[in-house]
N, C-alpha and C. Protein backbone atom coordinates (compact mmCIF):
# COMPACT_ATOMS: atom_id res chain seq x y z
N UNK A 1 1.15 28.26 32.96
CA UNK A 1 2.06 27.14 33.08
C UNK A 1 1.24 25.85 32.96
N UNK A 2 1.72 24.96 32.12
CA UNK A 2 1.04 23.69 31.90
C UNK A 2 1.40 22.70 33.01
N UNK A 3 0.40 21.97 33.45
CA UNK A 3 0.73 20.94 34.43
C UNK A 3 1.53 19.82 33.75
N UNK A 4 2.47 19.29 34.46
CA UNK A 4 3.29 18.23 33.88
C UNK A 4 2.48 16.93 33.83
N UNK A 5 2.65 16.23 32.75
CA UNK A 5 1.95 14.96 32.57
C UNK A 5 2.75 13.84 33.21
N UNK A 6 2.05 12.92 33.81
CA UNK A 6 2.79 11.76 34.31
C UNK A 6 3.29 10.94 33.13
N UNK A 7 4.43 10.29 33.31
CA UNK A 7 4.98 9.49 32.21
C UNK A 7 4.03 8.33 31.92
N UNK A 8 3.76 8.14 30.66
CA UNK A 8 2.85 7.09 30.25
C UNK A 8 3.66 5.89 29.79
N UNK A 9 3.33 4.76 30.33
CA UNK A 9 3.96 3.53 29.89
C UNK A 9 2.99 2.82 28.96
N UNK A 10 3.52 2.04 28.03
CA UNK A 10 2.61 1.33 27.14
C UNK A 10 1.72 0.37 27.90
N UNK A 11 0.52 0.21 27.41
CA UNK A 11 -0.44 -0.68 28.07
C UNK A 11 0.03 -2.12 27.97
N UNK A 12 0.51 -2.52 26.79
CA UNK A 12 0.97 -3.88 26.59
C UNK A 12 2.47 -3.82 26.33
N UNK A 13 3.25 -4.43 27.19
CA UNK A 13 4.69 -4.49 26.99
C UNK A 13 4.99 -5.63 26.06
N UNK A 14 5.78 -5.37 25.03
CA UNK A 14 6.09 -6.42 24.08
C UNK A 14 7.60 -6.61 23.97
N UNK A 15 7.98 -7.82 23.67
CA UNK A 15 9.37 -8.19 23.47
C UNK A 15 9.51 -8.75 22.07
N UNK A 16 10.56 -8.35 21.37
CA UNK A 16 10.80 -8.85 20.03
C UNK A 16 11.36 -10.27 20.14
N UNK A 17 10.67 -11.21 19.52
CA UNK A 17 11.11 -12.61 19.54
C UNK A 17 11.96 -12.94 18.32
N UNK A 18 11.45 -12.57 17.15
CA UNK A 18 12.11 -12.92 15.90
C UNK A 18 12.01 -11.73 14.95
N UNK A 19 13.05 -11.54 14.16
CA UNK A 19 13.02 -10.55 13.09
C UNK A 19 13.12 -11.32 11.78
N UNK A 20 12.07 -11.24 10.97
CA UNK A 20 12.00 -12.00 9.72
C UNK A 20 12.12 -11.07 8.53
N UNK A 21 12.62 -11.62 7.43
CA UNK A 21 12.79 -10.79 6.24
C UNK A 21 11.51 -10.67 5.41
N UNK A 22 10.55 -11.58 5.63
CA UNK A 22 9.29 -11.49 4.89
C UNK A 22 8.11 -11.71 5.84
N UNK A 23 6.95 -11.25 5.42
CA UNK A 23 5.76 -11.40 6.24
C UNK A 23 5.38 -12.86 6.38
N UNK A 24 5.62 -13.65 5.34
CA UNK A 24 5.30 -15.08 5.39
C UNK A 24 6.10 -15.81 6.45
N UNK A 25 7.39 -15.47 6.57
CA UNK A 25 8.22 -16.09 7.61
C UNK A 25 7.71 -15.72 9.00
N UNK A 26 7.32 -14.46 9.16
CA UNK A 26 6.80 -14.02 10.46
C UNK A 26 5.49 -14.75 10.77
N UNK A 27 4.65 -14.94 9.77
CA UNK A 27 3.40 -15.67 9.98
C UNK A 27 3.65 -17.13 10.36
N UNK A 28 4.65 -17.75 9.75
CA UNK A 28 5.00 -19.13 10.11
C UNK A 28 5.44 -19.21 11.56
N UNK A 29 6.19 -18.23 12.02
CA UNK A 29 6.63 -18.21 13.41
C UNK A 29 5.44 -18.08 14.35
N UNK A 30 4.50 -17.22 14.00
CA UNK A 30 3.30 -17.05 14.82
C UNK A 30 2.49 -18.35 14.85
N UNK A 31 2.36 -19.01 13.71
CA UNK A 31 1.64 -20.29 13.67
C UNK A 31 2.33 -21.34 14.54
N UNK A 32 3.65 -21.35 14.49
CA UNK A 32 4.42 -22.29 15.29
C UNK A 32 4.21 -22.04 16.79
N UNK A 33 4.22 -20.77 17.17
CA UNK A 33 4.01 -20.43 18.58
C UNK A 33 2.57 -20.72 19.01
N UNK A 34 1.64 -20.48 18.12
CA UNK A 34 0.23 -20.76 18.44
C UNK A 34 0.02 -22.27 18.61
N UNK A 35 0.68 -23.06 17.78
CA UNK A 35 0.57 -24.52 17.90
C UNK A 35 1.16 -25.01 19.22
N UNK A 36 2.12 -24.25 19.77
CA UNK A 36 2.74 -24.63 21.04
C UNK A 36 1.91 -24.17 22.24
N UNK A 37 0.81 -23.45 21.98
CA UNK A 37 -0.09 -23.08 23.08
C UNK A 37 -0.07 -21.62 23.47
N UNK A 38 0.64 -20.78 22.75
CA UNK A 38 0.65 -19.35 23.05
C UNK A 38 -0.50 -18.71 22.28
N UNK A 39 -1.30 -17.95 22.97
CA UNK A 39 -2.49 -17.35 22.36
C UNK A 39 -2.15 -16.32 21.29
N UNK A 40 -2.99 -16.26 20.26
CA UNK A 40 -2.77 -15.30 19.18
C UNK A 40 -2.87 -13.85 19.66
N UNK A 41 -3.65 -13.62 20.70
CA UNK A 41 -3.79 -12.26 21.21
C UNK A 41 -2.50 -11.78 21.88
N UNK A 42 -1.60 -12.69 22.22
CA UNK A 42 -0.33 -12.32 22.84
C UNK A 42 0.76 -12.05 21.82
N UNK A 43 0.50 -12.33 20.56
CA UNK A 43 1.51 -12.20 19.51
C UNK A 43 1.13 -11.11 18.52
N UNK A 44 2.13 -10.40 18.05
CA UNK A 44 1.93 -9.36 17.04
C UNK A 44 3.00 -9.48 15.99
N UNK A 45 2.66 -9.11 14.76
CA UNK A 45 3.65 -8.95 13.69
C UNK A 45 3.69 -7.47 13.36
N UNK A 46 4.89 -6.89 13.47
CA UNK A 46 5.05 -5.45 13.29
C UNK A 46 6.07 -5.20 12.19
N UNK A 47 5.74 -4.35 11.24
CA UNK A 47 6.69 -3.97 10.20
C UNK A 47 7.76 -3.05 10.77
N UNK A 48 9.01 -3.30 10.40
CA UNK A 48 10.12 -2.49 10.92
C UNK A 48 11.00 -2.04 9.75
N UNK A 49 11.87 -1.09 10.03
CA UNK A 49 12.75 -0.50 9.01
C UNK A 49 11.95 -0.05 7.80
N UNK A 50 11.05 0.88 8.04
CA UNK A 50 10.18 1.37 6.98
C UNK A 50 10.96 2.25 6.02
N UNK A 51 10.61 2.16 4.74
CA UNK A 51 11.24 3.00 3.73
C UNK A 51 10.19 3.40 2.71
N UNK A 52 10.49 4.43 1.95
CA UNK A 52 9.60 4.92 0.91
C UNK A 52 9.93 4.21 -0.39
N UNK A 53 8.93 3.63 -1.05
CA UNK A 53 9.15 2.91 -2.31
C UNK A 53 8.16 3.40 -3.35
N UNK A 54 8.57 3.33 -4.60
CA UNK A 54 7.68 3.71 -5.70
C UNK A 54 6.66 2.62 -5.93
N UNK A 55 5.42 3.03 -6.15
CA UNK A 55 4.37 2.08 -6.48
C UNK A 55 4.54 1.64 -7.93
N UNK A 56 4.24 0.38 -8.20
CA UNK A 56 4.31 -0.04 -9.60
C UNK A 56 3.23 0.66 -10.42
N UNK A 57 3.53 0.90 -11.66
CA UNK A 57 2.59 1.57 -12.55
C UNK A 57 1.39 0.68 -12.82
N UNK A 58 0.23 1.27 -12.84
CA UNK A 58 -1.00 0.51 -13.06
C UNK A 58 -1.47 0.59 -14.51
N UNK A 59 -0.68 1.14 -15.37
CA UNK A 59 -1.10 1.29 -16.76
C UNK A 59 -1.62 2.69 -17.00
N UNK A 60 -2.28 2.86 -18.13
CA UNK A 60 -2.78 4.17 -18.50
C UNK A 60 -4.31 4.14 -18.59
N UNK A 61 -4.88 5.32 -18.77
CA UNK A 61 -6.33 5.42 -18.93
C UNK A 61 -6.74 4.69 -20.22
N UNK A 62 -5.95 4.84 -21.26
CA UNK A 62 -6.25 4.20 -22.53
C UNK A 62 -6.27 2.67 -22.38
N UNK A 63 -5.32 2.15 -21.63
CA UNK A 63 -5.23 0.70 -21.45
C UNK A 63 -6.44 0.16 -20.67
N UNK A 64 -6.83 0.87 -19.60
CA UNK A 64 -8.00 0.40 -18.84
C UNK A 64 -9.28 0.53 -19.66
N UNK A 65 -9.38 1.56 -20.50
CA UNK A 65 -10.54 1.72 -21.37
C UNK A 65 -10.62 0.59 -22.38
N UNK A 66 -9.49 0.28 -22.99
CA UNK A 66 -9.45 -0.79 -24.00
C UNK A 66 -9.79 -2.15 -23.38
N UNK A 67 -9.24 -2.43 -22.20
CA UNK A 67 -9.51 -3.71 -21.54
C UNK A 67 -10.98 -3.84 -21.16
N UNK A 68 -11.54 -2.77 -20.58
CA UNK A 68 -12.95 -2.81 -20.19
C UNK A 68 -13.86 -2.91 -21.41
N UNK A 69 -13.48 -2.30 -22.53
CA UNK A 69 -14.29 -2.41 -23.75
C UNK A 69 -14.28 -3.85 -24.26
N UNK A 70 -13.15 -4.52 -24.15
CA UNK A 70 -13.08 -5.92 -24.58
C UNK A 70 -13.94 -6.80 -23.68
N UNK A 71 -13.88 -6.57 -22.37
CA UNK A 71 -14.74 -7.34 -21.45
C UNK A 71 -16.22 -7.04 -21.72
N UNK A 72 -16.53 -5.78 -21.97
CA UNK A 72 -17.91 -5.40 -22.28
C UNK A 72 -18.40 -6.06 -23.55
N UNK A 73 -17.52 -6.16 -24.56
CA UNK A 73 -17.89 -6.81 -25.81
C UNK A 73 -18.19 -8.29 -25.57
N UNK A 74 -17.37 -8.94 -24.75
CA UNK A 74 -17.59 -10.36 -24.47
C UNK A 74 -18.89 -10.58 -23.71
N UNK A 75 -19.16 -9.75 -22.71
CA UNK A 75 -20.39 -9.88 -21.94
C UNK A 75 -21.60 -9.57 -22.81
N UNK A 76 -21.52 -8.52 -23.63
CA UNK A 76 -22.62 -8.18 -24.53
C UNK A 76 -22.89 -9.27 -25.54
N UNK A 77 -21.85 -9.88 -26.05
CA UNK A 77 -22.00 -10.98 -27.00
C UNK A 77 -22.69 -12.17 -26.34
N UNK A 78 -22.27 -12.51 -25.13
CA UNK A 78 -22.89 -13.62 -24.41
C UNK A 78 -24.35 -13.33 -24.08
N UNK A 79 -24.64 -12.10 -23.66
CA UNK A 79 -26.04 -11.75 -23.37
C UNK A 79 -26.90 -11.79 -24.64
N UNK A 80 -26.32 -11.33 -25.75
CA UNK A 80 -27.07 -11.39 -27.01
C UNK A 80 -27.38 -12.81 -27.42
N UNK A 81 -26.43 -13.71 -27.27
CA UNK A 81 -26.66 -15.12 -27.58
C UNK A 81 -27.71 -15.70 -26.65
N UNK A 82 -27.62 -15.38 -25.37
CA UNK A 82 -28.58 -15.88 -24.39
C UNK A 82 -30.00 -15.40 -24.70
N UNK A 83 -30.14 -14.12 -25.02
CA UNK A 83 -31.46 -13.57 -25.34
C UNK A 83 -32.00 -14.21 -26.62
N UNK A 84 -31.14 -14.46 -27.58
CA UNK A 84 -31.57 -15.12 -28.82
C UNK A 84 -32.10 -16.51 -28.55
N UNK A 85 -31.47 -17.24 -27.63
CA UNK A 85 -31.89 -18.60 -27.34
C UNK A 85 -33.15 -18.66 -26.48
N UNK A 86 -33.37 -17.67 -25.62
CA UNK A 86 -34.44 -17.74 -24.64
C UNK A 86 -35.67 -16.94 -25.02
N UNK A 87 -35.48 -15.72 -25.46
CA UNK A 87 -36.62 -14.82 -25.65
C UNK A 87 -37.10 -14.84 -27.10
N UNK A 88 -38.39 -14.55 -27.25
CA UNK A 88 -38.95 -14.39 -28.59
C UNK A 88 -38.91 -12.91 -28.94
N UNK A 89 -38.23 -12.58 -30.02
CA UNK A 89 -38.15 -11.18 -30.46
C UNK A 89 -38.56 -11.10 -31.92
N UNK A 90 -38.86 -9.88 -32.36
CA UNK A 90 -39.22 -9.68 -33.76
C UNK A 90 -37.96 -9.55 -34.62
N UNK A 91 -36.81 -9.38 -34.00
CA UNK A 91 -35.56 -9.28 -34.74
C UNK A 91 -34.96 -10.66 -34.95
N UNK A 92 -34.11 -10.77 -35.94
CA UNK A 92 -33.42 -12.04 -36.14
C UNK A 92 -32.33 -12.19 -35.09
N UNK A 93 -31.86 -13.41 -34.91
CA UNK A 93 -30.86 -13.69 -33.88
C UNK A 93 -29.56 -12.92 -34.09
N UNK A 94 -29.18 -12.71 -35.36
CA UNK A 94 -27.94 -11.99 -35.64
C UNK A 94 -28.03 -10.53 -35.20
N UNK A 95 -29.19 -9.90 -35.40
CA UNK A 95 -29.35 -8.52 -34.96
C UNK A 95 -29.26 -8.40 -33.44
N UNK A 96 -29.87 -9.34 -32.74
CA UNK A 96 -29.85 -9.30 -31.27
C UNK A 96 -28.43 -9.46 -30.76
N UNK A 97 -27.69 -10.38 -31.35
CA UNK A 97 -26.29 -10.59 -30.94
C UNK A 97 -25.46 -9.35 -31.27
N UNK A 98 -25.69 -8.76 -32.44
CA UNK A 98 -24.94 -7.55 -32.83
C UNK A 98 -25.24 -6.39 -31.88
N UNK A 99 -26.52 -6.19 -31.52
CA UNK A 99 -26.86 -5.11 -30.59
C UNK A 99 -26.27 -5.37 -29.21
N UNK A 100 -26.27 -6.63 -28.78
CA UNK A 100 -25.63 -6.96 -27.50
C UNK A 100 -24.15 -6.62 -27.52
N UNK A 101 -23.49 -6.93 -28.63
CA UNK A 101 -22.07 -6.61 -28.77
C UNK A 101 -21.84 -5.10 -28.73
N UNK A 102 -22.66 -4.35 -29.47
CA UNK A 102 -22.51 -2.88 -29.51
C UNK A 102 -22.73 -2.27 -28.14
N UNK A 103 -23.83 -2.66 -27.48
CA UNK A 103 -24.09 -2.10 -26.14
C UNK A 103 -23.01 -2.52 -25.14
N UNK A 104 -22.52 -3.73 -25.25
CA UNK A 104 -21.45 -4.18 -24.36
C UNK A 104 -20.19 -3.36 -24.53
N UNK A 105 -19.81 -3.09 -25.78
CA UNK A 105 -18.62 -2.29 -26.05
C UNK A 105 -18.81 -0.87 -25.52
N UNK A 106 -19.98 -0.28 -25.75
CA UNK A 106 -20.23 1.09 -25.28
C UNK A 106 -20.17 1.18 -23.75
N UNK A 107 -20.88 0.28 -23.08
CA UNK A 107 -20.88 0.32 -21.62
C UNK A 107 -19.50 0.00 -21.05
N UNK A 108 -18.81 -0.96 -21.63
CA UNK A 108 -17.45 -1.30 -21.17
C UNK A 108 -16.49 -0.15 -21.37
N UNK A 109 -16.59 0.54 -22.51
CA UNK A 109 -15.72 1.68 -22.79
C UNK A 109 -15.95 2.80 -21.78
N UNK A 110 -17.21 3.12 -21.53
CA UNK A 110 -17.51 4.18 -20.55
C UNK A 110 -17.02 3.81 -19.16
N UNK A 111 -17.29 2.58 -18.75
CA UNK A 111 -16.84 2.14 -17.43
C UNK A 111 -15.32 2.18 -17.33
N UNK A 112 -14.63 1.65 -18.33
CA UNK A 112 -13.16 1.63 -18.30
C UNK A 112 -12.57 3.03 -18.33
N UNK A 113 -13.17 3.93 -19.09
CA UNK A 113 -12.65 5.30 -19.18
C UNK A 113 -12.76 6.00 -17.83
N UNK A 114 -13.94 5.95 -17.21
CA UNK A 114 -14.10 6.63 -15.93
C UNK A 114 -13.32 5.95 -14.82
N UNK A 115 -13.25 4.64 -14.88
CA UNK A 115 -12.44 3.92 -13.89
C UNK A 115 -10.96 4.30 -14.05
N UNK A 116 -10.49 4.40 -15.28
CA UNK A 116 -9.10 4.81 -15.53
C UNK A 116 -8.83 6.23 -15.06
N UNK A 117 -9.80 7.13 -15.26
CA UNK A 117 -9.61 8.51 -14.79
C UNK A 117 -9.51 8.58 -13.27
N UNK A 118 -10.29 7.76 -12.59
CA UNK A 118 -10.26 7.77 -11.13
C UNK A 118 -8.97 7.15 -10.62
N UNK A 119 -8.53 6.05 -11.21
CA UNK A 119 -7.34 5.35 -10.72
C UNK A 119 -6.04 6.06 -11.07
N UNK A 120 -6.04 6.90 -12.09
CA UNK A 120 -4.81 7.56 -12.54
C UNK A 120 -4.88 9.07 -12.36
N UNK A 121 -5.41 9.48 -11.22
CA UNK A 121 -5.49 10.92 -10.92
C UNK A 121 -4.08 11.48 -10.76
N UNK A 122 -3.88 12.72 -11.16
CA UNK A 122 -2.55 13.32 -11.00
C UNK A 122 -2.18 13.55 -9.52
N UNK A 123 -3.18 13.71 -8.67
CA UNK A 123 -2.88 13.96 -7.26
C UNK A 123 -2.65 12.67 -6.47
N UNK A 124 -2.76 11.52 -7.11
CA UNK A 124 -2.57 10.24 -6.43
C UNK A 124 -1.08 10.04 -6.15
N UNK A 125 -0.77 9.66 -4.94
CA UNK A 125 0.63 9.46 -4.55
C UNK A 125 1.23 8.29 -5.30
N UNK A 126 2.46 8.44 -5.76
CA UNK A 126 3.14 7.38 -6.48
C UNK A 126 4.13 6.64 -5.59
N UNK A 127 4.12 6.95 -4.30
CA UNK A 127 5.02 6.29 -3.38
C UNK A 127 4.23 5.74 -2.20
N UNK A 128 4.77 4.69 -1.59
CA UNK A 128 4.14 4.10 -0.42
C UNK A 128 5.21 3.69 0.58
N UNK A 129 4.81 3.52 1.83
CA UNK A 129 5.72 3.10 2.87
C UNK A 129 5.73 1.58 2.92
N UNK A 130 6.94 0.99 2.87
CA UNK A 130 7.09 -0.46 2.82
C UNK A 130 8.03 -0.90 3.94
N UNK A 131 7.70 -2.00 4.60
CA UNK A 131 8.57 -2.55 5.63
C UNK A 131 9.62 -3.44 4.98
N UNK A 132 10.88 -3.33 5.43
CA UNK A 132 11.94 -4.18 4.89
C UNK A 132 12.11 -5.45 5.71
N UNK A 133 11.64 -5.44 6.94
CA UNK A 133 11.65 -6.65 7.77
C UNK A 133 10.46 -6.60 8.71
N UNK A 134 10.13 -7.76 9.29
CA UNK A 134 8.97 -7.87 10.17
C UNK A 134 9.40 -8.49 11.49
N UNK A 135 8.92 -7.92 12.57
CA UNK A 135 9.24 -8.41 13.91
C UNK A 135 8.03 -9.15 14.49
N UNK A 136 8.29 -10.31 15.08
CA UNK A 136 7.25 -11.02 15.81
C UNK A 136 7.44 -10.63 17.26
N UNK A 137 6.41 -10.03 17.84
CA UNK A 137 6.48 -9.55 19.21
C UNK A 137 5.51 -10.32 20.09
N UNK A 138 5.86 -10.40 21.38
CA UNK A 138 5.06 -11.15 22.33
C UNK A 138 4.93 -10.34 23.61
N UNK A 139 3.83 -10.54 24.33
CA UNK A 139 3.63 -9.90 25.62
C UNK A 139 4.73 -10.39 26.57
N UNK A 140 5.24 -9.50 27.39
CA UNK A 140 6.37 -9.85 28.27
C UNK A 140 6.07 -11.03 29.17
N UNK A 141 4.82 -11.19 29.58
CA UNK A 141 4.47 -12.28 30.49
C UNK A 141 4.70 -13.64 29.85
N UNK A 142 4.58 -13.74 28.53
CA UNK A 142 4.75 -15.02 27.84
C UNK A 142 6.02 -15.07 26.99
N UNK A 143 6.86 -14.05 27.08
CA UNK A 143 8.04 -13.97 26.22
C UNK A 143 9.03 -15.08 26.51
N UNK A 144 9.26 -15.41 27.77
CA UNK A 144 10.24 -16.44 28.08
C UNK A 144 9.78 -17.81 27.58
N UNK A 145 8.49 -18.09 27.68
CA UNK A 145 7.96 -19.36 27.17
C UNK A 145 8.09 -19.39 25.65
N UNK A 146 7.78 -18.29 24.99
CA UNK A 146 7.86 -18.23 23.53
C UNK A 146 9.29 -18.40 23.06
N UNK A 147 10.25 -17.78 23.75
CA UNK A 147 11.66 -17.94 23.37
C UNK A 147 12.09 -19.38 23.54
N UNK A 148 11.66 -20.03 24.61
CA UNK A 148 12.02 -21.43 24.83
C UNK A 148 11.43 -22.32 23.74
N UNK A 149 10.19 -22.05 23.35
CA UNK A 149 9.56 -22.83 22.28
C UNK A 149 10.32 -22.66 20.97
N UNK A 150 10.71 -21.44 20.66
CA UNK A 150 11.44 -21.19 19.43
C UNK A 150 12.82 -21.83 19.45
N UNK A 151 13.49 -21.78 20.60
CA UNK A 151 14.81 -22.41 20.70
C UNK A 151 14.74 -23.91 20.53
N UNK A 152 13.76 -24.56 21.15
CA UNK A 152 13.65 -26.02 21.03
C UNK A 152 13.23 -26.42 19.63
N UNK A 153 12.36 -25.64 18.99
CA UNK A 153 11.91 -26.03 17.65
C UNK A 153 12.97 -25.74 16.59
N UNK A 154 13.80 -24.74 16.79
CA UNK A 154 14.82 -24.39 15.80
C UNK A 154 16.06 -25.27 15.92
N UNK A 155 16.36 -25.78 17.13
CA UNK A 155 17.56 -26.57 17.34
C UNK A 155 17.26 -28.03 17.57
N UNK A 156 16.05 -28.43 17.29
CA UNK A 156 15.67 -29.82 17.47
C UNK A 156 16.29 -30.65 16.36
N UNK A 157 17.05 -31.71 16.70
CA UNK A 157 17.69 -32.50 15.64
C UNK A 157 16.64 -33.29 14.85
N UNK A 158 16.87 -33.37 13.55
CA UNK A 158 15.96 -34.14 12.71
C UNK A 158 16.53 -35.53 12.49
N UNK A 159 15.74 -36.42 11.94
CA UNK A 159 16.19 -37.78 11.68
C UNK A 159 17.32 -37.79 10.65
N UNK A 160 17.28 -36.85 9.68
CA UNK A 160 18.32 -36.79 8.66
C UNK A 160 19.67 -36.43 9.27
N UNK A 161 19.67 -35.50 10.23
CA UNK A 161 20.95 -35.11 10.84
C UNK A 161 21.51 -36.22 11.69
N UNK A 162 20.65 -37.07 12.28
CA UNK A 162 21.14 -38.19 13.09
C UNK A 162 21.76 -39.26 12.20
N UNK A 163 21.17 -39.49 11.02
CA UNK A 163 21.73 -40.52 10.13
C UNK A 163 23.00 -40.03 9.46
N UNK A 164 23.12 -38.72 9.24
CA UNK A 164 24.34 -38.18 8.64
C UNK A 164 25.52 -38.29 9.59
N UNK A 165 25.26 -38.18 10.91
CA UNK A 165 26.33 -38.23 11.89
C UNK A 165 26.87 -39.65 12.04
N UNK A 166 26.08 -40.64 11.72
CA UNK A 166 26.52 -42.03 11.92
C UNK A 166 27.45 -42.52 10.87
């Protein structure tokens, strides 16, 4: 017979202050509360209403190979020009630039091909967990102060609303 475990309560009790539709809105709320004097360690942003979503396609192996070959060609061309201007070689400047271009394309192609194979593995998951809304949470000890700060900042009349009423 197993001994019964005592009920465990969370170490930090949190209260939901605001539910935002985007992470940016939740961050703005945290910044607003921090500016009012509530410590960042007392505030959390938690993703809620999680759902499974498809990851956007990253392209194909061929596309990553082609792109890396183009970058390699550009880097090889620049290195060839640099070596032609700086170093003394027995080859003419055109040969050095051409060899730089060839080596750049080869190295870029190899890098892009292997990088594409790693990024587009068949066993790689095509779905990820995404939050549809974000909750700003606060420690219970400071929750009432945080709610008061949010109420005063959200319902504070602006100068425009005072002139419109007149």
